[in-house]
Amino acid sequence: GIEAVRRWVELVIRQYLAPLPPYGPEGQGWPLGRSVIGAELEAAAL
């Protein structure tokens, strides 16, 4: 279903960019000063 998949993609991207653990690229929140790369977000959505 498009709606379910769309909402999951949005949630995954939000969690990937979140500043608090256990989310972020490495589970410690988004690192200070780390650039946001569009290709990284695409990989997370996939």
PDB file of all heavy atoms in Angstrom:
ATOM      1  N   GLY A   1       0.820  -1.200   0.000  1.00  0.00           N
ATOM      2  CA  GLY A   1       0.000   0.000   0.000  1.00  0.00           C
ATOM      3  C   GLY A   1       0.855   1.251   0.000  1.00  0.00           C
ATOM      4  O   GLY A   1       1.797   1.365   0.789  1.00  0.00           O
ATOM      5  N   ILE A   2       0.547   2.185  -0.860  1.00  0.00           N
ATOM      6  CA  ILE A   2       1.338   3.400  -0.975  1.00  0.00           C
ATOM      7  C   ILE A   2       1.344   4.213   0.303  1.00  0.00           C
ATOM      8  O   ILE A   2       2.383   4.737   0.725  1.00  0.00           O
ATOM      9  CB  ILE A   2       0.859   4.277  -2.163  1.00  0.00           C
ATOM     10  CG1 ILE A   2       1.630   5.611  -2.196  1.00  0.00           C
ATOM     11  CG2 ILE A   2      -0.626   4.513  -2.114  1.00  0.00           C
ATOM     12  CD1 ILE A   2       3.110   5.470  -2.352  1.00  0.00           C
ATOM     13  N   GLU A   3       0.202   4.305   0.980  1.00  0.00           N
ATOM     14  CA  GLU A   3       0.141   5.122   2.191  1.00  0.00           C
ATOM     15  C   GLU A   3       1.025   4.560   3.288  1.00  0.00           C
ATOM     16  O   GLU A   3       1.740   5.296   3.980  1.00  0.00           O
ATOM     17  CB  GLU A   3      -1.309   5.242   2.680  1.00  0.00           C
ATOM     18  CG  GLU A   3      -2.123   6.293   1.964  1.00  0.00           C
ATOM     19  CD  GLU A   3      -1.496   7.675   2.077  1.00  0.00           C
ATOM     20  OE1 GLU A   3      -1.143   8.090   3.193  1.00  0.00           O
ATOM     21  OE2 GLU A   3      -1.339   8.333   1.037  1.00  0.00           O
ATOM     22  N   ALA A   4       0.986   3.231   3.466  1.00  0.00           N
ATOM     23  CA  ALA A   4       1.808   2.606   4.505  1.00  0.00           C
ATOM     24  C   ALA A   4       3.294   2.785   4.206  1.00  0.00           C
ATOM     25  O   ALA A   4       4.085   3.146   5.093  1.00  0.00           O
ATOM     26  CB  ALA A   4       1.462   1.129   4.623  1.00  0.00           C
ATOM     27  N   VAL A   5       3.675   2.548   2.956  1.00  0.00           N
ATOM     28  CA  VAL A   5       5.089   2.686   2.586  1.00  0.00           C
ATOM     29  C   VAL A   5       5.535   4.136   2.704  1.00  0.00           C
ATOM     30  O   VAL A   5       6.621   4.441   3.206  1.00  0.00           O
ATOM     31  CB  VAL A   5       5.317   2.167   1.154  1.00  0.00           C
ATOM     32  CG1 VAL A   5       6.755   2.441   0.717  1.00  0.00           C
ATOM     33  CG2 VAL A   5       5.027   0.672   1.082  1.00  0.00           C
ATOM     34  N   ARG A   6       4.696   5.058   2.268  1.00  0.00           N
ATOM     35  CA  ARG A   6       5.043   6.475   2.336  1.00  0.00           C
ATOM     36  C   ARG A   6       5.285   6.917   3.774  1.00  0.00           C
ATOM     37  O   ARG A   6       6.254   7.623   4.070  1.00  0.00           O
ATOM     38  CB  ARG A   6       3.922   7.310   1.712  1.00  0.00           C
ATOM     39  CG  ARG A   6       4.226   8.776   1.574  1.00  0.00           C
ATOM     40  CD  ARG A   6       3.034   9.542   1.064  1.00  0.00           C
ATOM     41  NE  ARG A   6       1.943   9.512   2.029  1.00  0.00           N
ATOM     42  CZ  ARG A   6       1.897  10.301   3.122  1.00  0.00           C
ATOM     43  NH1 ARG A   6       2.886  11.155   3.365  1.00  0.00           N
ATOM     44  NH2 ARG A   6       0.886  10.226   3.954  1.00  0.00           N
ATOM     45  N   ARG A   7       4.412   6.476   4.675  1.00  0.00           N
ATOM     46  CA  ARG A   7       4.564   6.865   6.089  1.00  0.00           C
ATOM     47  C   ARG A   7       5.812   6.233   6.708  1.00  0.00           C
ATOM     48  O   ARG A   7       6.475   6.852   7.545  1.00  0.00           O
ATOM     49  CB  ARG A   7       3.312   6.467   6.868  1.00  0.00           C
ATOM     50  CG  ARG A   7       2.085   7.279   6.477  1.00  0.00           C
ATOM     51  CD  ARG A   7       0.870   6.899   7.316  1.00  0.00           C
ATOM     52  NE  ARG A   7      -0.331   7.598   6.871  1.00  0.00           N
ATOM     53  CZ  ARG A   7      -0.632   8.833   7.243  1.00  0.00           C
ATOM     54  NH1 ARG A   7       0.172   9.494   8.062  1.00  0.00           N
ATOM     55  NH2 ARG A   7      -1.729   9.416   6.802  1.00  0.00           N
ATOM     56  N   TRP A   8       6.134   5.004   6.306  1.00  0.00           N
ATOM     57  CA  TRP A   8       7.334   4.362   6.842  1.00  0.00           C
ATOM     58  C   TRP A   8       8.587   5.077   6.362  1.00  0.00           C
ATOM     59  O   TRP A   8       9.551   5.249   7.118  1.00  0.00           O
ATOM     60  CB  TRP A   8       7.374   2.890   6.441  1.00  0.00           C
ATOM     61  CG  TRP A   8       6.658   1.992   7.400  1.00  0.00           C
ATOM     62  CD1 TRP A   8       5.510   1.287   7.183  1.00  0.00           C
ATOM     63  CD2 TRP A   8       7.038   1.709   8.758  1.00  0.00           C
ATOM     64  NE1 TRP A   8       5.146   0.597   8.320  1.00  0.00           N
ATOM     65  CE2 TRP A   8       6.063   0.828   9.299  1.00  0.00           C
ATOM     66  CE3 TRP A   8       8.096   2.114   9.568  1.00  0.00           C
ATOM     67  CZ2 TRP A   8       6.135   0.354  10.603  1.00  0.00           C
ATOM     68  CZ3 TRP A   8       8.163   1.634  10.876  1.00  0.00           C
ATOM     69  CH2 TRP A   8       7.190   0.757  11.378  1.00  0.00           C
ATOM     70  N   VAL A   9       8.608   5.495   5.113  1.00  0.00           N
ATOM     71  CA  VAL A   9       9.762   6.230   4.589  1.00  0.00           C
ATOM     72  C   VAL A   9       9.937   7.541   5.349  1.00  0.00           C
ATOM     73  O   VAL A   9      11.057   7.915   5.740  1.00  0.00           O
ATOM     74  CB  VAL A   9       9.604   6.493   3.079  1.00  0.00           C
ATOM     75  CG1 VAL A   9      10.655   7.492   2.588  1.00  0.00           C
ATOM     76  CG2 VAL A   9       9.710   5.190   2.297  1.00  0.00           C
ATOM     77  N   GLU A  10       8.840   8.236   5.580  1.00  0.00           N
ATOM     78  CA  GLU A  10       8.914   9.495   6.336  1.00  0.00           C
ATOM     79  C   GLU A  10       9.441   9.247   7.743  1.00  0.00           C
ATOM     80  O   GLU A  10      10.298   9.990   8.244  1.00  0.00           O
ATOM     81  CB  GLU A  10       7.537  10.141   6.402  1.00  0.00           C
ATOM     82  CG  GLU A  10       7.525  11.443   7.188  1.00  0.00           C
ATOM     83  CD  GLU A  10       6.156  12.101   7.226  1.00  0.00           C
ATOM     84  OE1 GLU A  10       5.359  11.851   6.295  1.00  0.00           O
ATOM     85  OE2 GLU A  10       5.897  12.865   8.179  1.00  0.00           O
ATOM     86  N   LEU A  11       8.954   8.185   8.398  1.00  0.00           N
ATOM     87  CA  LEU A  11       9.397   7.877   9.756  1.00  0.00           C
ATOM     88  C   LEU A  11      10.878   7.532   9.787  1.00  0.00           C
ATOM     89  O   LEU A  11      11.617   7.994  10.676  1.00  0.00           O
ATOM     90  CB  LEU A  11       8.568   6.725  10.317  1.00  0.00           C
ATOM     91  CG  LEU A  11       8.957   6.240  11.723  1.00  0.00           C
ATOM     92  CD1 LEU A  11       8.782   7.351  12.746  1.00  0.00           C
ATOM     93  CD2 LEU A  11       8.141   5.017  12.117  1.00  0.00           C
ATOM     94  N   VAL A  12      11.336   6.733   8.833  1.00  0.00           N
ATOM     95  CA  VAL A  12      12.743   6.338   8.791  1.00  0.00           C
ATOM     96  C   VAL A  12      13.646   7.551   8.604  1.00  0.00           C
ATOM     97  O   VAL A  12      14.695   7.666   9.255  1.00  0.00           O
ATOM     98  CB  VAL A  12      12.967   5.300   7.665  1.00  0.00           C
ATOM     99  CG1 VAL A  12      14.451   5.140   7.367  1.00  0.00           C
ATOM    100  CG2 VAL A  12      12.373   3.960   8.066  1.00  0.00           C
ATOM    101  N   ILE A  13      13.257   8.464   7.729  1.00  0.00           N
ATOM    102  CA  ILE A  13      14.065   9.664   7.515  1.00  0.00           C
ATOM    103  C   ILE A  13      14.081  10.532   8.775  1.00  0.00           C
ATOM    104  O   ILE A  13      15.129  11.076   9.151  1.00  0.00           O
ATOM    105  CB  ILE A  13      13.550  10.451   6.299  1.00  0.00           C
ATOM    106  CG1 ILE A  13      13.795   9.658   5.015  1.00  0.00           C
ATOM    107  CG2 ILE A  13      14.229  11.817   6.214  1.00  0.00           C
ATOM    108  CD1 ILE A  13      13.255  10.319   3.761  1.00  0.00           C
ATOM    109  N   ARG A  14      12.941  10.667   9.424  1.00  0.00           N
ATOM    110  CA  ARG A  14      12.890  11.450  10.672  1.00  0.00           C
ATOM    111  C   ARG A  14      13.808  10.838  11.727  1.00  0.00           C
ATOM    112  O   ARG A  14      14.551  11.551  12.423  1.00  0.00           O
ATOM    113  CB  ARG A  14      11.456  11.515  11.200  1.00  0.00           C
ATOM    114  CG  ARG A  14      10.538  12.437  10.403  1.00  0.00           C
ATOM    115  CD  ARG A  14       9.190  12.591  11.089  1.00  0.00           C
ATOM    116  NE  ARG A  14       8.296  13.441  10.324  1.00  0.00           N
ATOM    117  CZ  ARG A  14       8.301  14.762  10.360  1.00  0.00           C
ATOM    118  NH1 ARG A  14       9.168  15.374  11.152  1.00  0.00           N
ATOM    119  NH2 ARG A  14       7.456  15.461   9.635  1.00  0.00           N
ATOM    120  N   GLN A  15      13.771   9.523  11.866  1.00  0.00           N
ATOM    121  CA  GLN A  15      14.612   8.865  12.862  1.00  0.00           C
ATOM    122  C   GLN A  15      16.083   8.966  12.499  1.00  0.00           C
ATOM    123  O   GLN A  15      16.945   9.101  13.376  1.00  0.00           O
ATOM    124  CB  GLN A  15      14.190   7.402  13.006  1.00  0.00           C
ATOM    125  CG  GLN A  15      12.824   7.217  13.645  1.00  0.00           C
ATOM    126  CD  GLN A  15      12.420   5.766  13.755  1.00  0.00           C
ATOM    127  OE1 GLN A  15      12.980   4.888  13.072  1.00  0.00           O
ATOM    128  NE2 GLN A  15      11.450   5.476  14.598  1.00  0.00           N
ATOM    129  N   TYR A  16      16.391   8.913  11.215  1.00  0.00           N
ATOM    130  CA  TYR A  16      17.779   9.000  10.771  1.00  0.00           C
ATOM    131  C   TYR A  16      18.373  10.370  11.107  1.00  0.00           C
ATOM    132  O   TYR A  16      19.568  10.481  11.424  1.00  0.00           O
ATOM    133  CB  TYR A  16      17.847   8.755   9.270  1.00  0.00           C
ATOM    134  CG  TYR A  16      19.236   8.509   8.745  1.00  0.00           C
ATOM    135  CD1 TYR A  16      19.870   7.280   8.935  1.00  0.00           C
ATOM    136  CD2 TYR A  16      19.919   9.503   8.043  1.00  0.00           C
ATOM    137  CE1 TYR A  16      21.147   7.048   8.450  1.00  0.00           C
ATOM    138  CE2 TYR A  16      21.198   9.280   7.550  1.00  0.00           C
ATOM    139  CZ  TYR A  16      21.798   8.052   7.755  1.00  0.00           C
ATOM    140  OH  TYR A  16      23.069   7.825   7.277  1.00  0.00           O
ATOM    141  N   LEU A  17      17.546  11.411  11.057  1.00  0.00           N
ATOM    142  CA  LEU A  17      18.008  12.769  11.318  1.00  0.00           C
ATOM    143  C   LEU A  17      17.820  13.205  12.769  1.00  0.00           C
ATOM    144  O   LEU A  17      18.196  14.321  13.130  1.00  0.00           O
ATOM    145  CB  LEU A  17      17.262  13.755  10.409  1.00  0.00           C
ATOM    146  CG  LEU A  17      17.558  13.645   8.914  1.00  0.00           C
ATOM    147  CD1 LEU A  17      16.516  14.422   8.114  1.00  0.00           C
ATOM    148  CD2 LEU A  17      18.955  14.160   8.592  1.00  0.00           C
ATOM    149  N   ALA A  18      17.245  12.352  13.603  1.00  0.00           N
ATOM    150  CA  ALA A  18      16.912  12.725  14.983  1.00  0.00           C
ATOM    151  C   ALA A  18      18.173  13.003  15.804  1.00  0.00           C
ATOM    152  O   ALA A  18      19.205  12.346  15.624  1.00  0.00           O
ATOM    153  CB  ALA A  18      16.096  11.623  15.643  1.00  0.00           C
ATOM    154  N   PRO A  19      18.111  13.970  16.729  1.00  0.00           N
ATOM    155  CA  PRO A  19      19.295  14.327  17.520  1.00  0.00           C
ATOM    156  C   PRO A  19      19.515  13.468  18.759  1.00  0.00           C
ATOM    157  O   PRO A  19      20.574  13.534  19.363  1.00  0.00           O
ATOM    158  CB  PRO A  19      19.008  15.778  17.923  1.00  0.00           C
ATOM    159  CG  PRO A  19      17.513  15.833  18.026  1.00  0.00           C
ATOM    160  CD  PRO A  19      16.999  14.916  16.946  1.00  0.00           C
ATOM    161  N   LEU A  20      18.502  12.677  19.161  1.00  0.00           N
ATOM    162  CA  LEU A  20      18.608  11.902  20.396  1.00  0.00           C
ATOM    163  C   LEU A  20      18.790  10.410  20.118  1.00  0.00           C
ATOM    164  O   LEU A  20      18.231   9.881  19.158  1.00  0.00           O
ATOM    165  CB  LEU A  20      17.361  12.104  21.255  1.00  0.00           C
ATOM    166  CG  LEU A  20      17.151  13.481  21.884  1.00  0.00           C
ATOM    167  CD1 LEU A  20      15.852  13.500  22.684  1.00  0.00           C
ATOM    168  CD2 LEU A  20      18.324  13.860  22.788  1.00  0.00           C
ATOM    169  N   PRO A  21      19.564   9.721  20.964  1.00  0.00           N
ATOM    170  CA  PRO A  21      19.629   8.264  20.885  1.00  0.00           C
ATOM    171  C   PRO A  21      18.240   7.675  21.182  1.00  0.00           C
ATOM    172  O   PRO A  21      17.446   8.319  21.869  1.00  0.00           O
ATOM    173  CB  PRO A  21      20.626   7.888  21.994  1.00  0.00           C
ATOM    174  CG  PRO A  21      21.382   9.157  22.278  1.00  0.00           C
ATOM    175  CD  PRO A  21      20.411  10.269  22.025  1.00  0.00           C
ATOM    176  N   PRO A  22      17.915   6.505  20.659  1.00  0.00           N
ATOM    177  CA  PRO A  22      18.764   5.558  19.909  1.00  0.00           C
ATOM    178  C   PRO A  22      18.721   5.778  18.404  1.00  0.00           C
ATOM    179  O   PRO A  22      18.981   4.843  17.644  1.00  0.00           O
ATOM    180  CB  PRO A  22      18.141   4.220  20.278  1.00  0.00           C
ATOM    181  CG  PRO A  22      16.672   4.531  20.384  1.00  0.00           C
ATOM    182  CD  PRO A  22      16.593   5.916  20.977  1.00  0.00           C
ATOM    183  N   TYR A  23      18.379   6.984  17.967  1.00  0.00           N
ATOM    184  CA  TYR A  23      18.259   7.253  16.536  1.00  0.00           C
ATOM    185  C   TYR A  23      19.525   7.927  16.018  1.00  0.00           C
ATOM    186  O   TYR A  23      20.510   8.058  16.726  1.00  0.00           O
ATOM    187  CB  TYR A  23      17.018   8.097  16.267  1.00  0.00           C
ATOM    188  CG  TYR A  23      15.764   7.486  16.834  1.00  0.00           C
ATOM    189  CD1 TYR A  23      15.033   8.117  17.852  1.00  0.00           C
ATOM    190  CD2 TYR A  23      15.311   6.254  16.376  1.00  0.00           C
ATOM    191  CE1 TYR A  23      13.887   7.539  18.370  1.00  0.00           C
ATOM    192  CE2 TYR A  23      14.157   5.670  16.897  1.00  0.00           C
ATOM    193  CZ  TYR A  23      13.455   6.316  17.893  1.00  0.00           C
ATOM    194  OH  TYR A  23      12.325   5.737  18.414  1.00  0.00           O
ATOM    195  N   GLY A  24      19.483   8.356  14.760  1.00  0.00           N
ATOM    196  CA  GLY A  24      20.667   8.926  14.127  1.00  0.00           C
ATOM    197  C   GLY A  24      21.409   7.885  13.313  1.00  0.00           C
ATOM    198  O   GLY A  24      21.096   6.686  13.376  1.00  0.00           O
ATOM    199  N   PRO A  25      22.409   8.293  12.545  1.00  0.00           N
ATOM    200  CA  PRO A  25      23.146   7.364  11.671  1.00  0.00           C
ATOM    201  C   PRO A  25      23.798   6.211  12.414  1.00  0.00           C
ATOM    202  O   PRO A  25      23.896   5.106  11.892  1.00  0.00           O
ATOM    203  CB  PRO A  25      24.206   8.265  11.015  1.00  0.00           C
ATOM    204  CG  PRO A  25      23.663   9.644  11.118  1.00  0.00           C
ATOM    205  CD  PRO A  25      22.878   9.676  12.401  1.00  0.00           C
ATOM    206  N   GLU A  26      24.247   6.465  13.652  1.00  0.00           N
ATOM    207  CA  GLU A  26      24.945   5.425  14.412  1.00  0.00           C
ATOM    208  C   GLU A  26      24.287   5.150  15.747  1.00  0.00           C
ATOM    209  O   GLU A  26      24.904   4.557  16.641  1.00  0.00           O
ATOM    210  CB  GLU A  26      26.411   5.840  14.615  1.00  0.00           C
ATOM    211  CG  GLU A  26      27.164   6.025  13.304  1.00  0.00           C
ATOM    212  CD  GLU A  26      28.540   6.621  13.495  1.00  0.00           C
ATOM    213  OE1 GLU A  26      28.913   6.877  14.660  1.00  0.00           O
ATOM    214  OE2 GLU A  26      29.242   6.837  12.489  1.00  0.00           O
ATOM    215  N   GLY A  27      23.040   5.597  15.900  1.00  0.00           N
ATOM    216  CA  GLY A  27      22.303   5.308  17.127  1.00  0.00           C
ATOM    217  C   GLY A  27      22.617   6.227  18.295  1.00  0.00           C
ATOM    218  O   GLY A  27      22.130   5.999  19.403  1.00  0.00           O
ATOM    219  N   GLN A  28      23.397   7.278  18.069  1.00  0.00           N
ATOM    220  CA  GLN A  28      23.765   8.217  19.137  1.00  0.00           C
ATOM    221  C   GLN A  28      23.224   9.613  18.882  1.00  0.00           C
ATOM    222  O   GLN A  28      23.693  10.573  19.499  1.00  0.00           O
ATOM    223  CB  GLN A  28      25.294   8.274  19.274  1.00  0.00           C
ATOM    224  CG  GLN A  28      25.942   6.954  19.605  1.00  0.00           C
ATOM    225  CD  GLN A  28      25.460   6.391  20.925  1.00  0.00           C
ATOM    226  OE1 GLN A  28      25.324   7.139  21.912  1.00  0.00           O
ATOM    227  NE2 GLN A  28      25.204   5.096  20.978  1.00  0.00           N
ATOM    228  N   GLY A  29      22.245   9.733  18.001  1.00  0.00           N
ATOM    229  CA  GLY A  29      21.772  11.049  17.605  1.00  0.00           C
ATOM    230  C   GLY A  29      22.652  11.607  16.498  1.00  0.00           C
ATOM    231  O   GLY A  29      23.782  11.144  16.295  1.00  0.00           O
ATOM    232  N   TRP A  30      22.125  12.571  15.742  1.00  0.00           N
ATOM    233  CA  TRP A  30      22.903  13.136  14.640  1.00  0.00           C
ATOM    234  C   TRP A  30      24.149  13.831  15.185  1.00  0.00           C
ATOM    235  O   TRP A  30      24.061  14.705  16.052  1.00  0.00           O
ATOM    236  CB  TRP A  30      22.075  14.127  13.833  1.00  0.00           C
ATOM    237  CG  TRP A  30      22.752  14.489  12.548  1.00  0.00           C
ATOM    238  CD1 TRP A  30      23.620  15.530  12.345  1.00  0.00           C
ATOM    239  CD2 TRP A  30      22.674  13.783  11.311  1.00  0.00           C
ATOM    240  NE1 TRP A  30      24.080  15.517  11.049  1.00  0.00           N
ATOM    241  CE2 TRP A  30      23.511  14.456  10.381  1.00  0.00           C
ATOM    242  CE3 TRP A  30      21.962  12.659  10.885  1.00  0.00           C
ATOM    243  CZ2 TRP A  30      23.652  14.046   9.068  1.00  0.00           C
ATOM    244  CZ3 TRP A  30      22.114  12.252   9.571  1.00  0.00           C
ATOM    245  CH2 TRP A  30      22.942  12.936   8.675  1.00  0.00           C
ATOM    246  N   PRO A  31      25.346  13.468  14.708  1.00  0.00           N
ATOM    247  CA  PRO A  31      26.578  14.052  15.239  1.00  0.00           C
ATOM    248  C   PRO A  31      26.655  15.560  14.986  1.00  0.00           C
ATOM    249  O   PRO A  31      26.229  16.057  13.935  1.00  0.00           O
ATOM    250  CB  PRO A  31      27.678  13.316  14.457  1.00  0.00           C
ATOM    251  CG  PRO A  31      27.034  12.062  13.971  1.00  0.00           C
ATOM    252  CD  PRO A  31      25.602  12.423  13.708  1.00  0.00           C
ATOM    253  N   LEU A  32      27.221  16.268  15.927  1.00  0.00           N
ATOM    254  CA  LEU A  32      27.423  17.711  15.767  1.00  0.00           C
ATOM    255  C   LEU A  32      28.307  17.984  14.543  1.00  0.00           C
ATOM    256  O   LEU A  32      29.372  17.376  14.381  1.00  0.00           O
ATOM    257  CB  LEU A  32      28.095  18.293  17.011  1.00  0.00           C
ATOM    258  CG  LEU A  32      27.230  18.523  18.245  1.00  0.00           C
ATOM    259  CD1 LEU A  32      28.106  18.941  19.422  1.00  0.00           C
ATOM    260  CD2 LEU A  32      26.167  19.571  17.990  1.00  0.00           C
ATOM    261  N   GLY A  33      27.848  18.901  13.700  1.00  0.00           N
ATOM    262  CA  GLY A  33      28.656  19.333  12.572  1.00  0.00           C
ATOM    263  C   GLY A  33      28.684  18.397  11.393  1.00  0.00           C
ATOM    264  O   GLY A  33      29.316  18.705  10.380  1.00  0.00           O
ATOM    265  N   ARG A  34      28.015  17.256  11.460  1.00  0.00           N
ATOM    266  CA  ARG A  34      28.032  16.321  10.333  1.00  0.00           C
ATOM    267  C   ARG A  34      27.089  16.801   9.231  1.00  0.00           C
ATOM    268  O   ARG A  34      25.918  17.083   9.492  1.00  0.00           O
ATOM    269  CB  ARG A  34      27.628  14.924  10.788  1.00  0.00           C
ATOM    270  CG  ARG A  34      27.460  13.929   9.639  1.00  0.00           C
ATOM    271  CD  ARG A  34      27.326  12.522  10.141  1.00  0.00           C
ATOM    272  NE  ARG A  34      26.946  11.595   9.089  1.00  0.00           N
ATOM    273  CZ  ARG A  34      27.010  10.275   9.196  1.00  0.00           C
ATOM    274  NH1 ARG A  34      27.450   9.741  10.325  1.00  0.00           N
ATOM    275  NH2 ARG A  34      26.636   9.503   8.209  1.00  0.00           N
ATOM    276  N   SER A  35      27.592  16.909   8.020  1.00  0.00           N
ATOM    277  CA  SER A  35      26.791  17.381   6.899  1.00  0.00           C
ATOM    278  C   SER A  35      25.657  16.405   6.594  1.00  0.00           C
ATOM    279  O   SER A  35      25.781  15.196   6.820  1.00  0.00           O
ATOM    280  CB  SER A  35      27.669  17.557   5.658  1.00  0.00           C
ATOM    281  OG  SER A  35      28.703  18.475   5.889  1.00  0.00           O
ATOM    282  N   VAL A  36      24.562  16.936   6.083  1.00  0.00           N
ATOM    283  CA  VAL A  36      23.431  16.115   5.667  1.00  0.00           C
ATOM    284  C   VAL A  36      23.560  15.897   4.165  1.00  0.00           C
ATOM    285  O   VAL A  36      23.489  16.842   3.378  1.00  0.00           O
ATOM    286  CB  VAL A  36      22.093  16.796   5.989  1.00  0.00           C
ATOM    287  CG1 VAL A  36      20.929  15.893   5.595  1.00  0.00           C
ATOM    288  CG2 VAL A  36      22.017  17.141   7.476  1.00  0.00           C
ATOM    289  N   ILE A  37      23.751  14.652   3.758  1.00  0.00           N
ATOM    290  CA  ILE A  37      23.958  14.295   2.361  1.00  0.00           C
ATOM    291  C   ILE A  37      22.682  13.659   1.815  1.00  0.00           C
ATOM    292  O   ILE A  37      22.158  12.701   2.391  1.00  0.00           O
ATOM    293  CB  ILE A  37      25.139  13.318   2.191  1.00  0.00           C
ATOM    294  CG1 ILE A  37      26.382  13.857   2.907  1.00  0.00           C
ATOM    295  CG2 ILE A  37      25.415  13.063   0.718  1.00  0.00           C
ATOM    296  CD1 ILE A  37      26.930  15.139   2.348  1.00  0.00           C
ATOM    297  N   GLY A  38      22.197  14.192   0.695  1.00  0.00           N
ATOM    298  CA  GLY A  38      20.973  13.659   0.118  1.00  0.00           C
ATOM    299  C   GLY A  38      21.063  12.178  -0.204  1.00  0.00           C
ATOM    300  O   GLY A  38      20.113  11.422  -0.003  1.00  0.00           O
ATOM    301  N   ALA A  39      22.217  11.738  -0.707  1.00  0.00           N
ATOM    302  CA  ALA A  39      22.391  10.323  -1.059  1.00  0.00           C
ATOM    303  C   ALA A  39      22.285   9.425   0.169  1.00  0.00           C
ATOM    304  O   ALA A  39      21.810   8.286   0.074  1.00  0.00           O
ATOM    305  CB  ALA A  39      23.746  10.122  -1.739  1.00  0.00           C
ATOM    306  N   GLU A  40      22.717   9.911   1.323  1.00  0.00           N
ATOM    307  CA  GLU A  40      22.581   9.149   2.570  1.00  0.00           C
ATOM    308  C   GLU A  40      21.111   8.927   2.918  1.00  0.00           C
ATOM    309  O   GLU A  40      20.714   7.836   3.341  1.00  0.00           O
ATOM    310  CB  GLU A  40      23.263   9.899   3.714  1.00  0.00           C
ATOM    311  CG  GLU A  40      24.650   9.424   4.055  1.00  0.00           C
ATOM    312  CD  GLU A  40      25.129  10.002   5.363  1.00  0.00           C
ATOM    313  OE1 GLU A  40      25.191  11.247   5.470  1.00  0.00           O
ATOM    314  OE2 GLU A  40      25.447   9.232   6.275  1.00  0.00           O
ATOM    315  N   LEU A  41      20.321   9.979   2.754  1.00  0.00           N
ATOM    316  CA  LEU A  41      18.899   9.878   3.056  1.00  0.00           C
ATOM    317  C   LEU A  41      18.204   8.930   2.080  1.00  0.00           C
ATOM    318  O   LEU A  41      17.293   8.183   2.460  1.00  0.00           O
ATOM    319  CB  LEU A  41      18.255  11.264   2.999  1.00  0.00           C
ATOM    320  CG  LEU A  41      18.847  12.319   3.938  1.00  0.00           C
ATOM    321  CD1 LEU A  41      18.115  13.641   3.774  1.00  0.00           C
ATOM    322  CD2 LEU A  41      18.789  11.853   5.385  1.00  0.00           C
ATOM    323  N   GLU A  42      18.629   8.944   0.826  1.00  0.00           N
ATOM    324  CA  GLU A  42      18.076   8.014  -0.152  1.00  0.00           C
ATOM    325  C   GLU A  42      18.371   6.575   0.259  1.00  0.00           C
ATOM    326  O   GLU A  42      17.499   5.696   0.162  1.00  0.00           O
ATOM    327  CB  GLU A  42      18.662   8.299  -1.533  1.00  0.00           C
ATOM    328  CG  GLU A  42      18.207   9.613  -2.142  1.00  0.00           C
ATOM    329  CD  GLU A  42      18.780   9.805  -3.543  1.00  0.00           C
ATOM    330  OE1 GLU A  42      19.207   8.802  -4.147  1.00  0.00           O
ATOM    331  OE2 GLU A  42      18.801  10.953  -4.016  1.00  0.00           O
ATOM    332  N   ALA A  43      19.602   6.326   0.708  1.00  0.00           N
ATOM    333  CA  ALA A  43      19.980   4.981   1.128  1.00  0.00           C
ATOM    334  C   ALA A  43      19.143   4.522   2.324  1.00  0.00           C
ATOM    335  O   ALA A  43      18.744   3.355   2.405  1.00  0.00           O
ATOM    336  CB  ALA A  43      21.468   4.945   1.478  1.00  0.00           C
ATOM    337  N   ALA A  44      18.871   5.449   3.255  1.00  0.00           N
ATOM    338  CA  ALA A  44      18.040   5.104   4.402  1.00  0.00           C
ATOM    339  C   ALA A  44      16.618   4.778   3.972  1.00  0.00           C
ATOM    340  O   ALA A  44      16.006   3.818   4.457  1.00  0.00           O
ATOM    341  CB  ALA A  44      18.041   6.252   5.412  1.00  0.00           C
ATOM    342  N   ALA A  45      16.081   5.551   3.021  1.00  0.00           N
ATOM    343  CA  ALA A  45      14.708   5.317   2.550  1.00  0.00           C
ATOM    344  C   ALA A  45      14.589   3.987   1.820  1.00  0.00           C
ATOM    345  O   ALA A  45      13.553   3.319   1.890  1.00  0.00           O
ATOM    346  CB  ALA A  45      14.276   6.462   1.644  1.00  0.00           C
ATOM    347  N   LEU A  46      15.630   3.576   1.124  1.00  0.00           N
ATOM    348  CA  LEU A  46      15.600   2.321   0.366  1.00  0.00           C
ATOM    349  C   LEU A  46      15.570   1.097   1.270  1.00  0.00           C
ATOM    350  O   LEU A  46      15.312  -0.015   0.793  1.00  0.00           O
ATOM    351  CB  LEU A  46      16.802   2.248  -0.571  1.00  0.00           C
ATOM    352  CG  LEU A  46      16.750   3.180  -1.792  1.00  0.00           C
ATOM    353  CD1 LEU A  46      18.084   3.163  -2.524  1.00  0.00           C
ATOM    354  CD2 LEU A  46      15.622   2.765  -2.731  1.00  0.00           C
TER     355      LEU A  46
END
